[in-house]
Protein backbone atom coordinates (compact mmCIF):
# COMPACT_ATOMS: atom_id res chain seq x y z
CA MET A 1 123.61 68.06 45.45
CA LEU A 2 126.75 67.95 47.61
CA LYS A 3 129.62 69.97 46.29
CA ARG A 4 132.75 71.34 47.90
CA GLY A 5 134.78 74.22 46.52
CA TYR A 6 132.26 76.38 44.72
CA SER A 7 133.63 78.63 41.98
CA ALA A 8 133.04 82.38 42.15
CA GLU A 9 130.48 81.94 39.36
CA ASP A 10 128.62 79.26 41.33
CA LYS A 11 128.57 81.47 44.42
CA LEU A 12 127.24 84.43 42.44
CA GLU A 13 124.54 82.26 40.86
CA ILE A 14 123.44 81.00 44.29
CA LEU A 15 123.38 84.56 45.69
CA LYS A 16 121.28 85.73 42.73
CA ALA A 17 118.83 82.84 43.24
CA CYS A 18 118.38 83.94 46.87
CA GLU A 19 118.09 87.61 45.97
CA GLY A 20 115.77 87.14 43.02
CA GLY A 21 113.17 85.36 45.09
CA GLN A 22 113.56 82.27 42.94
CA TYR A 23 114.21 80.27 46.11
CA SER A 24 114.16 81.05 49.83
CA LEU A 25 117.39 80.87 51.80
CA ASN A 26 116.14 77.67 53.46
CA GLU A 27 115.40 76.09 50.06
CA ILE A 28 118.86 77.01 48.77
CA THR A 29 120.54 75.45 51.82
CA LYS A 30 118.64 72.20 51.19
CA ILE A 31 119.29 72.15 47.44
CA TYR A 32 123.05 72.69 47.87
CA ASN A 33 123.36 70.92 51.25
CA MET A 34 125.07 73.87 52.91
CA HIS A 35 124.62 75.98 55.99
CA LYS A 36 122.92 79.39 55.96
CA SER A 37 126.06 80.97 57.40
CA THR A 38 128.00 79.98 54.26
CA ILE A 39 125.63 81.89 52.03
CA MET A 40 125.51 84.81 54.45
CA GLU A 41 129.32 84.95 54.45
CA TRP A 42 129.37 84.95 50.64
CA ARG A 43 126.84 87.80 50.70
CA ARG A 44 129.00 89.80 53.11
CA LYS A 45 132.11 89.29 50.97
CA PHE A 46 130.21 90.16 47.80
CA ASP A 47 128.77 93.33 49.38
CA LYS A 48 132.21 94.40 50.59
CA TYR A 49 134.47 93.34 47.69
CA GLY A 50 132.16 92.63 44.76
CA SER A 51 132.65 89.51 42.67
CA GLU A 52 136.38 89.53 43.58
CA GLY A 53 135.36 88.70 47.15
CA LEU A 54 133.85 85.43 45.96
CA LYS A 55 137.07 84.16 44.40
CA LYS A 56 139.39 81.82 46.26
CA SER A 57 142.53 83.58 47.34
CA SER A 58 145.67 82.28 45.70
CA THR A 59 147.93 84.20 48.06
CA TRP A 60 148.84 83.48 51.64
CA LYS A 61 147.62 86.23 53.96
CA LYS A 62 150.16 87.51 56.45
CA TYR A 63 149.14 88.37 60.01
CA SER A 64 151.25 90.00 62.71
CA LYS A 65 151.76 88.41 66.10
CA GLU A 66 149.95 91.39 67.66
CA LEU A 67 146.89 90.93 65.44
CA LYS A 68 146.79 87.21 66.19
CA LEU A 69 146.95 87.80 69.95
CA ALA A 70 144.33 90.57 69.78
CA ALA A 71 141.99 88.27 67.85
CA ILE A 72 142.55 85.39 70.29
CA ARG A 73 141.97 87.62 73.33
CA GLY A 74 138.92 89.20 71.70
CA TYR A 75 137.35 85.80 71.19
CA GLN A 76 138.34 84.51 74.64
CA SER A 77 136.76 87.58 76.27
CA GLY A 78 133.41 85.98 75.46
CA LYS A 79 132.09 89.23 73.98
CA TYR A 80 132.46 88.13 70.34
CA SER A 81 131.80 85.00 68.29
CA LEU A 82 134.34 83.37 65.98
CA ARG A 83 132.53 84.94 63.04
CA GLU A 84 132.56 88.42 64.60
CA ILE A 85 136.30 88.24 65.34
CA THR A 86 136.97 86.91 61.84
CA ARG A 87 135.16 89.90 60.35
CA LYS A 88 136.58 92.46 62.80
CA TYR A 89 140.19 91.49 62.02
CA GLU A 90 139.49 90.62 58.35
CA LEU A 91 140.78 87.08 58.70
CA SER A 92 140.50 84.81 55.69
CA ASP A 93 138.38 82.24 57.55
CA LYS A 94 137.16 81.14 60.99
CA SER A 95 139.42 78.10 60.74
CA VAL A 96 142.46 80.41 60.84
CA LEU A 97 141.34 81.83 64.18
CA LYS A 98 140.53 78.35 65.53
CA LYS A 99 144.06 77.21 64.68
CA TRP A 100 145.59 80.19 66.49
CA ILE A 101 143.41 79.53 69.56
CA ARG A 102 144.46 75.84 69.67
CA LYS A 103 148.09 76.87 69.40
CA TYR A 104 147.69 79.53 72.10
CA ASN A 105 145.84 77.15 74.44
CA SER A 106 148.56 74.50 74.05
CA HIS A 107 151.09 77.15 75.18
CA ARG A 108 152.92 77.20 71.87
CA GLU A 109 154.45 80.44 70.67
CA ILE A 110 152.36 82.69 68.46
CA LYS A 111 154.52 84.27 65.74
CA ASP A 112 154.12 86.64 62.81
CA THR A 113 153.06 84.85 59.65
CA GLY A 114 156.30 84.37 57.78
CA LYS A 115 156.97 84.73 54.12
CA GLY A 116 157.77 81.61 52.18
CA ARG A 117 158.80 78.31 53.71
CA ASN A 118 159.62 77.90 57.36
CA GLN A 119 162.86 76.40 58.60
CA SER A 120 161.40 72.97 59.30
CA MET A 121 160.40 72.72 55.64
CA THR A 122 163.83 73.68 54.31
CA LYS A 123 165.98 71.85 56.86
CA GLY A 124 165.89 68.44 55.23
CA ARG A 125 166.33 65.03 56.78
CA SER A 126 169.63 63.74 58.12
CA THR A 127 170.58 60.23 57.10
CA THR A 128 173.36 57.93 58.26
């Protein structure tokens, strides 16, 4: 069964199946074709935030330039994994950190996360 975008209810059901001894973690990963780290991340979010932690966020998280740079430097120090930095700075996902690192490594400016649309989105296209 391959499925992307599990609902909070699906996630909770999978966590309960692991916890209840109905299936082992390895069996669950095979049944749902997912990685152990996905389930472990759901468990961490559930333990910290309850069932609310399993819901997809409908809001855009804002991060300061300082937090972004601290997270990038923390990861580049080699002392922490992507997952550890993501947890330490309470980032929404590892992919967020990866994007910042790519931007930083390509010598592009790291900025505060803005509110709403950025200028390139509102500028429009000039026509002749």
